PDB file of N, CA and C in Angstrom:
ATOM      1  N   UNK A   1      -0.162  26.149  -3.063  1.00  0.00           N
ATOM      2  CA  UNK A   1       0.108  25.092  -4.003  1.00  0.00           C
ATOM      3  C   UNK A   1       1.409  25.411  -4.723  1.00  0.00           C
ATOM      4  N   UNK A   2       2.211  24.388  -4.932  1.00  0.00           N
ATOM      5  CA  UNK A   2       3.465  24.529  -5.658  1.00  0.00           C
ATOM      6  C   UNK A   2       3.311  23.874  -7.021  1.00  0.00           C
ATOM      7  N   UNK A   3       3.773  24.542  -8.066  1.00  0.00           N
ATOM      8  CA  UNK A   3       3.719  23.989  -9.417  1.00  0.00           C
ATOM      9  C   UNK A   3       5.098  23.470  -9.788  1.00  0.00           C
ATOM     10  N   UNK A   4       5.146  22.251 -10.315  1.00  0.00           N
ATOM     11  CA  UNK A   4       6.401  21.664 -10.778  1.00  0.00           C
ATOM     12  C   UNK A   4       6.240  21.306 -12.249  1.00  0.00           C
ATOM     13  N   UNK A   5       7.364  21.068 -12.923  1.00  0.00           N
ATOM     14  CA  UNK A   5       7.360  20.764 -14.350  1.00  0.00           C
ATOM     15  C   UNK A   5       7.870  19.350 -14.571  1.00  0.00           C
ATOM     16  N   UNK A   6       7.205  18.626 -15.462  1.00  0.00           N
ATOM     17  CA  UNK A   6       7.680  17.305 -15.855  1.00  0.00           C
ATOM     18  C   UNK A   6       8.887  17.489 -16.767  1.00  0.00           C
ATOM     19  N   UNK A   7       9.986  16.794 -16.474  1.00  0.00           N
ATOM     20  CA  UNK A   7      11.209  16.900 -17.265  1.00  0.00           C
ATOM     21  C   UNK A   7      11.697  15.517 -17.663  1.00  0.00           C
ATOM     22  N   UNK A   8      12.366  15.449 -18.800  1.00  0.00           N
ATOM     23  CA  UNK A   8      12.963  14.196 -19.248  1.00  0.00           C
ATOM     24  C   UNK A   8      14.115  13.854 -18.316  1.00  0.00           C
ATOM     25  N   UNK A   9      14.180  12.582 -17.941  1.00  0.00           N
ATOM     26  CA  UNK A   9      15.237  12.109 -17.062  1.00  0.00           C
ATOM     27  C   UNK A   9      15.659  10.746 -17.583  1.00  0.00           C
ATOM     28  N   UNK A  10      16.665  10.717 -18.444  1.00  0.00           N
ATOM     29  CA  UNK A  10      17.053   9.474 -19.111  1.00  0.00           C
ATOM     30  C   UNK A  10      15.933   9.042 -20.038  1.00  0.00           C
ATOM     31  N   UNK A  11      15.499   7.787 -19.896  1.00  0.00           N
ATOM     32  CA  UNK A  11      14.375   7.290 -20.693  1.00  0.00           C
ATOM     33  C   UNK A  11      13.043   7.498 -19.988  1.00  0.00           C
ATOM     34  N   UNK A  12      13.056   8.171 -18.864  1.00  0.00           N
ATOM     35  CA  UNK A  12      11.843   8.379 -18.071  1.00  0.00           C
ATOM     36  C   UNK A  12      11.501   9.859 -18.018  1.00  0.00           C
ATOM     37  N   UNK A  13      10.448  10.149 -17.292  1.00  0.00           N
ATOM     38  CA  UNK A  13      10.054  11.528 -17.032  1.00  0.00           C
ATOM     39  C   UNK A  13       9.993  11.703 -15.526  1.00  0.00           C
ATOM     40  N   UNK A  14      10.499  12.807 -15.027  1.00  0.00           N
ATOM     41  CA  UNK A  14      10.533  13.005 -13.584  1.00  0.00           C
ATOM     42  C   UNK A  14      10.134  14.414 -13.188  1.00  0.00           C
ATOM     43  N   UNK A  15       9.923  14.574 -11.894  1.00  0.00           N
ATOM     44  CA  UNK A  15       9.677  15.899 -11.326  1.00  0.00           C
ATOM     45  C   UNK A  15      10.688  16.109 -10.211  1.00  0.00           C
ATOM     46  N   UNK A  16      10.951  17.355  -9.916  1.00  0.00           N
ATOM     47  CA  UNK A  16      11.791  17.693  -8.767  1.00  0.00           C
ATOM     48  C   UNK A  16      10.877  18.208  -7.675  1.00  0.00           C
ATOM     49  N   UNK A  17      11.046  17.649  -6.498  1.00  0.00           N
ATOM     50  CA  UNK A  17      10.229  18.075  -5.363  1.00  0.00           C
ATOM     51  C   UNK A  17      11.035  19.107  -4.575  1.00  0.00           C
ATOM     52  N   UNK A  18      10.494  20.293  -4.385  1.00  0.00           N
ATOM     53  CA  UNK A  18      11.230  21.341  -3.668  1.00  0.00           C
ATOM     54  C   UNK A  18      11.616  20.906  -2.249  1.00  0.00           C
ATOM     55  N   UNK A  19      12.776  21.386  -1.806  1.00  0.00           N
ATOM     56  CA  UNK A  19      13.304  21.034  -0.488  1.00  0.00           C
ATOM     57  C   UNK A  19      12.327  21.379   0.628  1.00  0.00           C
ATOM     58  N   UNK A  20      11.615  22.480   0.506  1.00  0.00           N
ATOM     59  CA  UNK A  20      10.667  22.863   1.559  1.00  0.00           C
ATOM     60  C   UNK A  20       9.582  21.802   1.737  1.00  0.00           C
ATOM     61  N   UNK A  21       9.131  21.227   0.630  1.00  0.00           N
ATOM     62  CA  UNK A  21       8.116  20.170   0.714  1.00  0.00           C
ATOM     63  C   UNK A  21       8.731  18.897   1.282  1.00  0.00           C
ATOM     64  N   UNK A  22       9.941  18.546   0.827  1.00  0.00           N
ATOM     65  CA  UNK A  22      10.627  17.367   1.370  1.00  0.00           C
ATOM     66  C   UNK A  22      10.820  17.499   2.874  1.00  0.00           C
ATOM     67  N   UNK A  23      11.218  18.678   3.326  1.00  0.00           N
ATOM     68  CA  UNK A  23      11.423  18.905   4.760  1.00  0.00           C
ATOM     69  C   UNK A  23      10.107  18.797   5.528  1.00  0.00           C
ATOM     70  N   UNK A  24       9.047  19.370   4.969  1.00  0.00           N
ATOM     71  CA  UNK A  24       7.738  19.316   5.629  1.00  0.00           C
ATOM     72  C   UNK A  24       7.266  17.877   5.794  1.00  0.00           C
ATOM     73  N   UNK A  25       7.468  17.066   4.754  1.00  0.00           N
ATOM     74  CA  UNK A  25       7.022  15.665   4.778  1.00  0.00           C
ATOM     75  C   UNK A  25       8.044  14.727   5.412  1.00  0.00           C
ATOM     76  N   UNK A  26       9.209  15.260   5.742  1.00  0.00           N
ATOM     77  CA  UNK A  26      10.315  14.482   6.303  1.00  0.00           C
ATOM     78  C   UNK A  26      10.741  13.362   5.356  1.00  0.00           C
ATOM     79  N   UNK A  27      10.741  13.671   4.042  1.00  0.00           N
ATOM     80  CA  UNK A  27      11.254  12.748   3.037  1.00  0.00           C
ATOM     81  C   UNK A  27      12.747  13.015   2.889  1.00  0.00           C
ATOM     82  N   UNK A  28      13.524  11.953   2.775  1.00  0.00           N
ATOM     83  CA  UNK A  28      14.973  12.076   2.623  1.00  0.00           C
ATOM     84  C   UNK A  28      15.378  11.613   1.224  1.00  0.00           C
ATOM     85  N   UNK A  29      16.458  12.178   0.710  1.00  0.00           N
ATOM     86  CA  UNK A  29      16.971  11.770  -0.588  1.00  0.00           C
ATOM     87  C   UNK A  29      17.354  10.293  -0.540  1.00  0.00           C
ATOM     88  N   UNK A  30      16.942   9.522  -1.533  1.00  0.00           N
ATOM     89  CA  UNK A  30      17.240   8.095  -1.588  1.00  0.00           C
ATOM     90  C   UNK A  30      16.209   7.221  -0.895  1.00  0.00           C
ATOM     91  N   UNK A  31      15.284   7.827  -0.174  1.00  0.00           N
ATOM     92  CA  UNK A  31      14.250   7.083   0.545  1.00  0.00           C
ATOM     93  C   UNK A  31      13.238   6.515  -0.446  1.00  0.00           C
ATOM     94  N   UNK A  32      12.739   5.304  -0.169  1.00  0.00           N
ATOM     95  CA  UNK A  32      11.727   4.699  -1.028  1.00  0.00           C
ATOM     96  C   UNK A  32      10.347   5.232  -0.676  1.00  0.00           C
ATOM     97  N   UNK A  33       9.560   5.495  -1.722  1.00  0.00           N
ATOM     98  CA  UNK A  33       8.194   5.976  -1.558  1.00  0.00           C
ATOM     99  C   UNK A  33       7.251   5.039  -2.293  1.00  0.00           C
ATOM    100  N   UNK A  34       6.028   4.922  -1.800  1.00  0.00           N
ATOM    101  CA  UNK A  34       4.974   4.207  -2.505  1.00  0.00           C
ATOM    102  C   UNK A  34       4.188   5.241  -3.292  1.00  0.00           C
ATOM    103  N   UNK A  35       3.910   4.930  -4.570  1.00  0.00           N
ATOM    104  CA  UNK A  35       3.196   5.868  -5.425  1.00  0.00           C
ATOM    105  C   UNK A  35       1.909   5.218  -5.905  1.00  0.00           C
ATOM    106  N   UNK A  36       0.793   5.913  -5.714  1.00  0.00           N
ATOM    107  CA  UNK A  36      -0.510   5.444  -6.162  1.00  0.00           C
ATOM    108  C   UNK A  36      -1.175   6.533  -6.980  1.00  0.00           C
ATOM    109  N   UNK A  37      -2.087   6.110  -7.842  1.00  0.00           N
ATOM    110  CA  UNK A  37      -2.872   7.051  -8.631  1.00  0.00           C
ATOM    111  C   UNK A  37      -4.314   6.933  -8.183  1.00  0.00           C
ATOM    112  N   UNK A  38      -4.931   8.053  -7.861  1.00  0.00           N
ATOM    113  CA  UNK A  38      -6.335   8.100  -7.460  1.00  0.00           C
ATOM    114  C   UNK A  38      -7.021   9.167  -8.308  1.00  0.00           C
ATOM    115  N   UNK A  39      -7.826   8.711  -9.266  1.00  0.00           N
ATOM    116  CA  UNK A  39      -8.439   9.666 -10.189  1.00  0.00           C
ATOM    117  C   UNK A  39      -7.353  10.337 -11.002  1.00  0.00           C
ATOM    118  N   UNK A  40      -7.255  11.646 -10.895  1.00  0.00           N
ATOM    119  CA  UNK A  40      -6.204  12.373 -11.616  1.00  0.00           C
ATOM    120  C   UNK A  40      -5.122  12.884 -10.665  1.00  0.00           C
ATOM    121  N   UNK A  41      -4.981  12.235  -9.509  1.00  0.00           N
ATOM    122  CA  UNK A  41      -3.977  12.640  -8.523  1.00  0.00           C
ATOM    123  C   UNK A  41      -2.926  11.552  -8.351  1.00  0.00           C
ATOM    124  N   UNK A  42      -1.699  11.973  -8.135  1.00  0.00           N
ATOM    125  CA  UNK A  42      -0.607  11.064  -7.795  1.00  0.00           C
ATOM    126  C   UNK A  42      -0.349  11.223  -6.309  1.00  0.00           C
ATOM    127  N   UNK A  43      -0.341  10.115  -5.579  1.00  0.00           N
ATOM    128  CA  UNK A  43      -0.162  10.148  -4.129  1.00  0.00           C
ATOM    129  C   UNK A  43       1.148   9.458  -3.785  1.00  0.00           C
ATOM    130  N   UNK A  44       2.015  10.164  -3.062  1.00  0.00           N
ATOM    131  CA  UNK A  44       3.287   9.612  -2.601  1.00  0.00           C
ATOM    132  C   UNK A  44       3.234   9.438  -1.095  1.00  0.00           C
ATOM    133  N   UNK A  45       3.643   8.248  -0.621  1.00  0.00           N
ATOM    134  CA  UNK A  45       3.702   7.974   0.813  1.00  0.00           C
ATOM    135  C   UNK A  45       5.024   7.294   1.117  1.00  0.00           C
ATOM    136  N   UNK A  46       5.505   7.511   2.339  1.00  0.00           N
ATOM    137  CA  UNK A  46       6.709   6.807   2.758  1.00  0.00           C
ATOM    138  C   UNK A  46       6.467   5.312   2.694  1.00  0.00           C
ATOM    139  N   UNK A  47       7.453   4.595   2.174  1.00  0.00           N
ATOM    140  CA  UNK A  47       7.345   3.140   2.101  1.00  0.00           C
ATOM    141  C   UNK A  47       7.602   2.564   3.487  1.00  0.00           C
ATOM    142  N   UNK A  48       6.669   1.754   3.959  1.00  0.00           N
ATOM    143  CA  UNK A  48       6.823   1.107   5.260  1.00  0.00           C
ATOM    144  C   UNK A  48       7.204  -0.338   5.003  1.00  0.00           C
ATOM    145  N   UNK A  49       8.405  -0.681   5.394  1.00  0.00           N
ATOM    146  CA  UNK A  49       8.896  -2.036   5.184  1.00  0.00           C
ATOM    147  C   UNK A  49       8.238  -2.959   6.198  1.00  0.00           C
ATOM    148  N   UNK A  50       7.572  -3.997   5.694  1.00  0.00           N
ATOM    149  CA  UNK A  50       6.920  -4.944   6.586  1.00  0.00           C
ATOM    150  C   UNK A  50       7.957  -5.939   7.083  1.00  0.00           C
ATOM    151  N   UNK A  51       7.927  -6.171   8.380  1.00  0.00           N
ATOM    152  CA  UNK A  51       8.900  -7.079   8.963  1.00  0.00           C
ATOM    153  C   UNK A  51       8.523  -8.520   8.662  1.00  0.00           C
ATOM    154  N   UNK A  52       9.517  -9.364   8.594  1.00  0.00           N
ATOM    155  CA  UNK A  52       9.314 -10.793   8.387  1.00  0.00           C
ATOM    156  C   UNK A  52       8.837 -11.403   9.694  1.00  0.00           C
ATOM    157  N   UNK A  53       7.816 -12.239   9.626  1.00  0.00           N
ATOM    158  CA  UNK A  53       7.280 -12.902  10.813  1.00  0.00           C
ATOM    159  C   UNK A  53       7.571 -14.385  10.689  1.00  0.00           C
ATOM    160  N   UNK A  54       8.116 -14.960  11.750  1.00  0.00           N
ATOM    161  CA  UNK A  54       8.373 -16.399  11.734  1.00  0.00           C
ATOM    162  C   UNK A  54       7.080 -17.151  12.002  1.00  0.00           C
ATOM    163  N   UNK A  55       7.057 -18.427  11.663  1.00  0.00           N
ATOM    164  CA  UNK A  55       5.873 -19.249  11.906  1.00  0.00           C
ATOM    165  C   UNK A  55       5.596 -19.344  13.405  1.00  0.00           C
ATOM    166  N   UNK A  56       6.635 -19.349  14.211  1.00  0.00           N
ATOM    167  CA  UNK A  56       6.468 -19.402  15.662  1.00  0.00           C
ATOM    168  C   UNK A  56       5.792 -18.137  16.182  1.00  0.00           C
ATOM    169  N   UNK A  57       6.219 -16.975  15.672  1.00  0.00           N
ATOM    170  CA  UNK A  57       5.602 -15.713  16.081  1.00  0.00           C
ATOM    171  C   UNK A  57       4.152 -15.631  15.623  1.00  0.00           C
ATOM    172  N   UNK A  58       3.883 -16.148  14.434  1.00  0.00           N
ATOM    173  CA  UNK A  58       2.542 -16.095  13.883  1.00  0.00           C
ATOM    174  C   UNK A  58       1.554 -16.906  14.712  1.00  0.00           C
ATOM    175  N   UNK A  59       1.993 -18.049  15.220  1.00  0.00           N
ATOM    176  CA  UNK A  59       1.104 -18.946  15.952  1.00  0.00           C
ATOM    177  C   UNK A  59       1.389 -18.980  17.452  1.00  0.00           C
ATOM    178  N   UNK A  60       2.018 -17.955  17.999  1.00  0.00           N
ATOM    179  CA  UNK A  60       2.422 -17.994  19.400  1.00  0.00           C
ATOM    180  C   UNK A  60       1.248 -18.138  20.367  1.00  0.00           C
ATOM    181  N   UNK A  61       0.044 -17.688  20.018  1.00  0.00           N
ATOM    182  CA  UNK A  61      -1.112 -17.817  20.912  1.00  0.00           C
ATOM    183  C   UNK A  61      -1.998 -19.007  20.556  1.00  0.00           C
ATOM    184  N   UNK A  62      -1.637 -19.745  19.536  1.00  0.00           N
ATOM    185  CA  UNK A  62      -2.454 -20.880  19.102  1.00  0.00           C
ATOM    186  C   UNK A  62      -2.254 -22.037  20.067  1.00  0.00           C
ATOM    187  N   UNK A  63      -3.372 -22.592  20.572  1.00  0.00           N
ATOM    188  CA  UNK A  63      -3.272 -23.660  21.572  1.00  0.00           C
ATOM    189  C   UNK A  63      -3.541 -25.046  20.997  1.00  0.00           C
ATOM    190  N   UNK A  64      -3.726 -25.171  19.709  1.00  0.00           N
ATOM    191  CA  UNK A  64      -3.929 -26.476  19.097  1.00  0.00           C
ATOM    192  C   UNK A  64      -5.378 -26.840  18.863  1.00  0.00           C
ATOM    193  N   UNK A  65      -6.323 -26.061  19.412  1.00  0.00           N
ATOM    194  CA  UNK A  65      -7.735 -26.355  19.186  1.00  0.00           C
ATOM    195  C   UNK A  65      -8.087 -26.135  17.717  1.00  0.00           C
ATOM    196  N   UNK A  66      -8.923 -27.021  17.205  1.00  0.00           N
ATOM    197  CA  UNK A  66      -9.383 -26.892  15.833  1.00  0.00           C
ATOM    198  C   UNK A  66     -10.662 -26.072  15.846  1.00  0.00           C
ATOM    199  N   UNK A  67     -10.692 -25.061  15.042  1.00  0.00           N
ATOM    200  CA  UNK A  67     -11.857 -24.185  14.961  1.00  0.00           C
ATOM    201  C   UNK A  67     -12.921 -24.871  14.120  1.00  0.00           C
ATOM    202  N   UNK A  68     -14.086 -25.074  14.685  1.00  0.00           N
ATOM    203  CA  UNK A  68     -15.197 -25.698  13.965  1.00  0.00           C
ATOM    204  C   UNK A  68     -16.171 -24.607  13.546  1.00  0.00           C
ATOM    205  N   UNK A  69     -16.470 -24.552  12.287  1.00  0.00           N
ATOM    206  CA  UNK A  69     -17.404 -23.544  11.787  1.00  0.00           C
ATOM    207  C   UNK A  69     -18.420 -24.210  10.878  1.00  0.00           C
ATOM    208  N   UNK A  70     -19.605 -23.713  10.923  1.00  0.00           N
ATOM    209  CA  UNK A  70     -20.652 -24.200  10.036  1.00  0.00           C
ATOM    210  C   UNK A  70     -20.577 -23.420   8.726  1.00  0.00           C
ATOM    211  N   UNK A  71     -20.721 -24.111   7.604  1.00  0.00           N
ATOM    212  CA  UNK A  71     -20.701 -23.378   6.336  1.00  0.00           C
ATOM    213  C   UNK A  71     -21.909 -22.452   6.237  1.00  0.00           C
ATOM    214  N   UNK A  72     -21.701 -21.322   5.655  1.00  0.00           N
ATOM    215  CA  UNK A  72     -22.777 -20.356   5.467  1.00  0.00           C
ATOM    216  C   UNK A  72     -23.413 -20.636   4.116  1.00  0.00           C
ATOM    217  N   UNK A  73     -24.691 -20.909   4.103  1.00  0.00           N
ATOM    218  CA  UNK A  73     -25.395 -21.237   2.868  1.00  0.00           C
ATOM    219  C   UNK A  73     -26.192 -20.021   2.420  1.00  0.00           C
ATOM    220  N   UNK A  74     -25.957 -19.603   1.203  1.00  0.00           N
ATOM    221  CA  UNK A  74     -26.688 -18.474   0.639  1.00  0.00           C
ATOM    222  C   UNK A  74     -27.971 -18.972  -0.001  1.00  0.00           C
ATOM    223  N   UNK A  75     -29.036 -18.279   0.250  1.00  0.00           N
ATOM    224  CA  UNK A  75     -30.310 -18.602  -0.383  1.00  0.00           C
ATOM    225  C   UNK A  75     -30.380 -17.895  -1.735  1.00  0.00           C
ATOM    226  N   UNK A  76     -31.028 -18.532  -2.695  1.00  0.00           N
ATOM    227  CA  UNK A  76     -31.195 -17.937  -4.005  1.00  0.00           C
ATOM    228  C   UNK A  76     -32.115 -16.725  -3.884  1.00  0.00           C
ATOM    229  N   UNK A  77     -31.692 -15.593  -4.441  1.00  0.00           N
ATOM    230  CA  UNK A  77     -32.501 -14.378  -4.343  1.00  0.00           C
ATOM    231  C   UNK A  77     -32.945 -13.871  -5.705  1.00  0.00           C
ATOM    232  N   UNK A  78     -32.457 -14.464  -6.757  1.00  0.00           N
ATOM    233  CA  UNK A  78     -32.800 -14.004  -8.103  1.00  0.00           C
ATOM    234  C   UNK A  78     -32.712 -15.153  -9.076  1.00  0.00           C
ATOM    235  N   UNK A  79     -32.008 -14.918 -10.161  1.00  0.00           N
ATOM    236  CA  UNK A  79     -31.868 -15.940 -11.193  1.00  0.00           C
ATOM    237  C   UNK A  79     -30.524 -16.650 -11.122  1.00  0.00           C
ATOM    238  N   UNK A  80     -29.903 -16.698  -9.930  1.00  0.00           N
ATOM    239  CA  UNK A  80     -28.619 -17.360  -9.797  1.00  0.00           C
ATOM    240  C   UNK A  80     -28.772 -18.843 -10.084  1.00  0.00           C
ATOM    241  N   UNK A  81     -27.745 -19.425 -10.650  1.00  0.00           N
ATOM    242  CA  UNK A  81     -27.723 -20.870 -10.877  1.00  0.00           C
ATOM    243  C   UNK A  81     -26.551 -21.423 -10.093  1.00  0.00           C
ATOM    244  N   UNK A  82     -26.837 -22.328  -9.179  1.00  0.00           N
ATOM    245  CA  UNK A  82     -25.800 -22.892  -8.326  1.00  0.00           C
ATOM    246  C   UNK A  82     -25.376 -24.222  -8.860  1.00  0.00           C
TER     247      UNK A  82
END
């Protein structure tokens, strides 16, 4: 485990990630990361840019048939009021 220190960085607070960890994770300087909090942990992941999909690409396998579905009706199981 590596210990880092929180430091003031302008109006924010930052940490420095050691080069050995950056190399292990293949993170590059200037690269965007996604940051999430889970409990008391901070999780950093490489940001994956989602590609733009055109309407033609989205519906390329659609043949024009209308999907018919029956509505699903929930039965009352308690004191629900519908």
